[in-house]
Amino acid sequence: MDLLTNEKNPNITNPRKWEPGMRVLVLTAVSAEREAVLRGLRGDRRFDVLIVGVGPVSAAVNTAKALVTNDYGLVVSAGIGGGFPGKAEVGSLVVANEIVAADLGVETSEGFSSLDELGFGPTRIQVDASLVNSVVEALTAAKFPVEIGPVLTVSTVTGTAESAAELAARVPGATAEAMEGYGVAFAATNDLGIPILELRAISNLVGPRDRAAWRIKEALDILESASSVLLEVLP
């Protein structure tokens, strides 16, 4: 299956598929991201856009709370994020094909071991390929630079070249980094089986922390424009 399957997570009893006309819940970390998404969606009543806070725990808890208020057919984690050099450049968009809790595990003398490797998983949630392809095709047609790949969820934002290289080696093909996607995705898919997407506008590169090089306003503008494309993809 394209979604996280019962075999990978026995708590998912009834994985769903997105169908046109279903309500969509879009979740952002902070108000600036929410406002950008709202401007892009132009008041479309099929979409609810809420703030879940920063970090995977806050995201998971507040997503779970939101999901009891309405019957949603799709949950989208949206915002800005860091792009891995050579994978997603500043000013581009990333659509996740996999959402990974990249620092959930243990350190050993041999290196990092994820919960999956320890038998306590999952730390990876697959995204429905048909949804990913539809979104990417629409963004590409609208002339956005867009990449597909794993988006990593971290509790501590990467701040050195060494840490960036370690994460890239840990998750081959890692494309972007943010702090909420896995929390949102786990709350949606665990038990409920609601399809998920993660969309990130790249404001900076993953690696040495250089606030002067960040392009937050530009990334928010791109997030706004990309959100308007969702209106075409999710009728």
Protein backbone atom coordinates (compact mmCIF):
# COMPACT_ATOMS: atom_id res chain seq x y z
CA MET A 1 0.00 0.00 0.00
CA ASP A 2 1.13 3.61 -0.52
CA LEU A 3 0.14 4.72 2.96
CA LEU A 4 1.73 3.40 6.13
CA THR A 5 0.45 -0.15 6.14
CA ASN A 6 -0.97 -2.37 8.85
CA GLU A 7 2.11 -4.56 8.60
CA LYS A 8 4.34 -1.60 9.47
CA ASN A 9 1.99 -0.22 12.11
CA PRO A 10 -0.75 -2.50 13.45
CA ASN A 11 -2.55 0.49 15.00
CA ILE A 12 -3.75 1.57 11.56
CA THR A 13 -6.96 -0.36 11.09
CA ASN A 14 -8.54 1.35 8.10
CA PRO A 15 -6.20 3.30 5.80
CA ARG A 16 -8.18 5.69 3.63
CA LYS A 17 -7.74 7.23 0.19
CA TRP A 18 -8.24 10.87 -0.67
CA GLU A 19 -11.40 11.48 -2.67
CA PRO A 20 -12.52 14.78 -4.28
CA GLY A 21 -14.81 16.84 -2.10
CA MET A 22 -13.33 15.72 1.21
CA ARG A 23 -12.37 18.39 3.76
CA VAL A 24 -8.68 19.21 4.13
CA LEU A 25 -6.86 20.13 7.33
CA VAL A 26 -3.68 22.18 6.79
CA LEU A 27 -1.36 22.53 9.77
CA THR A 28 1.48 24.99 10.22
CA ALA A 29 3.95 25.61 13.03
CA VAL A 30 3.59 29.40 13.36
CA SER A 31 1.20 32.20 12.44
CA ALA A 32 3.30 33.59 9.57
CA GLU A 33 3.03 30.24 7.78
CA ARG A 34 -0.69 30.01 8.48
CA GLU A 35 -1.29 33.49 7.09
CA ALA A 36 0.65 32.65 3.92
CA VAL A 37 -1.38 29.48 3.39
CA LEU A 38 -4.66 31.29 4.04
CA ARG A 39 -3.82 33.96 1.48
CA GLY A 40 -3.06 31.25 -1.06
CA LEU A 41 -6.29 29.35 -0.37
CA ARG A 42 -8.34 32.53 -0.79
CA GLY A 43 -10.96 31.63 1.78
CA ASP A 44 -11.93 28.27 0.30
CA ARG A 45 -14.23 26.71 2.88
CA ARG A 46 -13.09 23.16 2.20
CA PHE A 47 -9.81 23.93 3.97
CA ASP A 48 -9.22 24.50 7.68
CA VAL A 49 -5.80 25.99 8.46
CA LEU A 50 -4.58 25.73 12.05
CA ILE A 51 -1.39 26.31 14.03
CA VAL A 52 0.02 23.27 15.86
CA GLY A 53 3.16 24.84 17.34
CA VAL A 54 6.85 24.10 16.90
CA GLY A 55 8.28 20.60 17.23
CA PRO A 56 6.96 17.06 16.73
CA VAL A 57 5.33 16.64 20.16
CA SER A 58 3.29 19.84 19.99
CA ALA A 59 2.42 19.04 16.38
CA ALA A 60 1.20 15.54 17.20
CA VAL A 61 -0.88 16.59 20.21
CA ASN A 62 -2.55 19.53 18.50
CA THR A 63 -3.15 17.59 15.28
CA ALA A 64 -4.89 14.87 17.28
CA LYS A 65 -7.07 17.50 18.98
CA ALA A 66 -8.01 19.03 15.63
CA LEU A 67 -8.94 15.69 14.11
CA VAL A 68 -11.72 15.09 16.62
CA THR A 69 -13.49 18.30 15.57
CA ASN A 70 -14.28 17.35 11.98
CA ASP A 71 -14.16 14.51 9.47
CA TYR A 72 -11.13 15.25 7.32
CA GLY A 73 -10.10 13.35 4.21
CA LEU A 74 -6.57 14.72 4.07
CA VAL A 75 -4.06 16.32 6.44
CA VAL A 76 -1.29 18.58 5.13
CA SER A 77 1.78 19.68 7.08
CA ALA A 78 2.85 22.93 5.42
CA GLY A 79 5.48 25.55 6.09
CA ILE A 80 9.02 26.63 5.43
CA GLY A 81 12.07 24.48 6.04
CA GLY A 82 15.71 23.82 5.31
CA GLY A 83 16.86 22.14 2.11
CA PHE A 84 19.76 19.73 1.90
CA PRO A 85 22.52 21.10 -0.35
CA GLY A 86 22.36 19.56 -3.80
CA LYS A 87 18.81 18.30 -3.17
CA ALA A 88 16.62 21.36 -2.61
CA GLU A 89 17.90 24.88 -3.08
CA VAL A 90 16.65 28.06 -1.40
CA GLY A 91 13.52 29.27 -3.17
CA SER A 92 12.37 25.79 -4.20
CA LEU A 93 9.52 23.61 -2.94
CA VAL A 94 9.72 20.09 -1.55
CA VAL A 95 6.89 17.58 -1.51
CA ALA A 96 7.61 14.66 0.80
CA ASN A 97 7.32 11.11 -0.47
CA GLU A 98 8.36 9.93 2.98
CA ILE A 99 8.20 11.64 6.37
CA VAL A 100 11.00 10.55 8.70
CA ALA A 101 11.57 11.06 12.43
CA ALA A 102 15.28 11.41 11.79
CA ASP A 103 16.57 11.75 15.35
CA LEU A 104 14.22 9.31 17.12
CA GLY A 105 16.45 6.49 18.34
CA VAL A 106 19.61 5.88 20.33
CA GLU A 107 23.28 6.62 19.97
CA THR A 108 25.67 3.70 20.32
CA SER A 109 29.41 3.26 20.02
CA GLU A 110 28.77 2.10 16.46
CA GLY A 111 26.60 5.12 15.63
CA PHE A 112 22.91 5.99 15.53
CA SER A 113 20.17 3.33 15.62
CA SER A 114 16.59 4.30 14.79
CA LEU A 115 13.53 2.91 16.56
CA ASP A 116 12.87 0.82 13.45
CA GLU A 117 16.25 -0.84 13.79
CA LEU A 118 15.63 -1.44 17.50
CA GLY A 119 12.24 -2.99 16.78
CA PHE A 120 10.25 -0.13 18.34
CA GLY A 121 9.29 1.67 15.10
CA PRO A 122 7.98 3.11 12.95
CA THR A 123 9.99 6.26 12.30
CA ARG A 124 9.10 6.50 8.60
CA ILE A 125 5.68 7.24 7.15
CA GLN A 126 5.16 6.79 3.42
CA VAL A 127 3.04 9.31 1.54
CA ASP A 128 0.46 8.22 -1.04
CA ALA A 129 2.32 8.27 -4.36
CA SER A 130 -0.70 9.36 -6.38
CA LEU A 131 -1.19 12.42 -4.17
CA VAL A 132 2.49 13.31 -4.38
CA ASN A 133 2.49 13.00 -8.15
CA SER A 134 -0.66 15.10 -8.53
CA VAL A 135 0.72 17.91 -6.39
CA VAL A 136 4.14 17.86 -8.05
CA GLU A 137 2.64 17.86 -11.55
CA ALA A 138 0.47 20.87 -10.70
CA LEU A 139 3.35 22.77 -9.09
CA THR A 140 5.60 22.01 -12.05
CA ALA A 141 2.92 23.18 -14.49
CA ALA A 142 2.73 26.42 -12.49
CA LYS A 143 6.49 26.86 -13.03
CA PHE A 144 7.59 26.21 -9.46
CA PRO A 145 10.98 24.58 -8.85
CA VAL A 146 9.89 21.48 -6.95
CA GLU A 147 11.64 18.40 -5.60
CA ILE A 148 10.34 15.08 -4.28
CA GLY A 149 12.09 13.23 -1.48
CA PRO A 150 12.18 12.34 2.21
CA VAL A 151 11.50 15.25 4.54
CA LEU A 152 13.15 14.82 7.92
CA THR A 153 11.51 15.80 11.19
CA VAL A 154 14.01 16.80 13.88
CA SER A 155 13.67 18.07 17.43
CA THR A 156 16.89 20.08 17.12
CA VAL A 157 17.48 22.09 13.94
CA THR A 158 20.75 21.15 12.27
CA GLY A 159 23.45 23.78 12.74
CA THR A 160 26.72 22.31 11.47
CA ALA A 161 28.03 20.80 8.28
CA GLU A 162 28.95 17.63 10.19
CA SER A 163 25.42 17.15 11.50
CA ALA A 164 23.97 17.78 8.05
CA ALA A 165 26.28 15.18 6.52
CA GLU A 166 25.35 12.67 9.23
CA LEU A 167 21.62 13.13 8.60
CA ALA A 168 22.09 12.86 4.84
CA ALA A 169 23.97 9.60 5.32
CA ARG A 170 21.38 8.31 7.80
CA VAL A 171 18.50 8.93 5.38
CA PRO A 172 19.72 8.55 1.79
CA GLY A 173 18.01 11.04 -0.49
CA ALA A 174 17.05 13.36 2.38
CA THR A 175 15.68 16.48 0.72
CA ALA A 176 14.49 18.83 3.44
CA GLU A 177 14.37 19.28 7.20
CA ALA A 178 11.63 20.67 9.43
CA MET A 179 10.26 20.07 12.92
CA GLU A 180 6.57 19.11 12.66
CA GLY A 181 5.88 16.73 9.77
CA TYR A 182 6.28 13.42 11.58
CA GLY A 183 4.14 14.56 14.52
CA VAL A 184 1.37 15.66 12.18
CA ALA A 185 1.63 12.53 10.05
CA PHE A 186 1.67 10.13 13.00
CA ALA A 187 -1.44 11.70 14.53
CA ALA A 188 -3.26 11.46 11.19
CA THR A 189 -2.22 7.97 10.17
CA ASN A 190 -2.02 6.19 13.52
CA ASP A 191 -5.42 4.56 14.19
CA LEU A 192 -7.24 7.00 11.84
CA GLY A 193 -5.41 6.16 8.61
CA ILE A 194 -6.02 9.64 7.14
CA PRO A 195 -3.87 10.42 4.07
CA ILE A 196 -1.15 12.99 4.62
CA LEU A 197 1.05 15.38 2.65
CA GLU A 198 4.03 17.50 3.65
CA LEU A 199 4.86 20.64 1.67
CA ARG A 200 7.93 22.77 2.45
CA ALA A 201 9.12 26.04 0.93
CA ILE A 202 12.89 26.19 1.33
CA SER A 203 14.17 29.25 3.19
CA ASN A 204 17.71 28.09 3.96
CA LEU A 205 20.14 25.25 3.47
CA VAL A 206 20.64 22.55 6.10
CA GLY A 207 24.05 23.01 7.68
CA PRO A 208 25.94 25.84 9.39
CA ARG A 209 23.44 28.21 10.99
CA ASP A 210 23.60 31.55 9.16
CA ARG A 211 20.47 33.61 9.81
CA ALA A 212 21.69 36.35 7.48
CA ALA A 213 21.44 33.91 4.57
CA TRP A 214 17.89 32.81 5.32
CA ARG A 215 15.18 33.93 2.90
CA ILE A 216 12.11 33.63 5.10
CA LYS A 217 9.94 36.24 3.38
CA GLU A 218 10.68 34.76 -0.04
CA ALA A 219 9.88 31.28 1.24
CA LEU A 220 6.58 32.48 2.73
CA ASP A 221 5.68 34.10 -0.59
CA ILE A 222 6.38 30.81 -2.36
CA LEU A 223 4.34 28.93 0.24
CA GLU A 224 1.42 31.30 -0.42
CA SER A 225 1.60 30.77 -4.18
CA ALA A 226 2.00 27.01 -3.82
CA SER A 227 -1.04 26.86 -1.53
CA SER A 228 -3.17 28.32 -4.31
CA VAL A 229 -2.17 25.36 -6.49
CA LEU A 230 -3.72 23.01 -3.90
CA LEU A 231 -7.08 24.42 -4.91
CA GLU A 232 -6.60 22.86 -8.35
CA VAL A 233 -5.17 19.56 -7.10
CA LEU A 234 -7.72 18.96 -4.35
CA PRO A 235 -11.12 19.72 -5.91
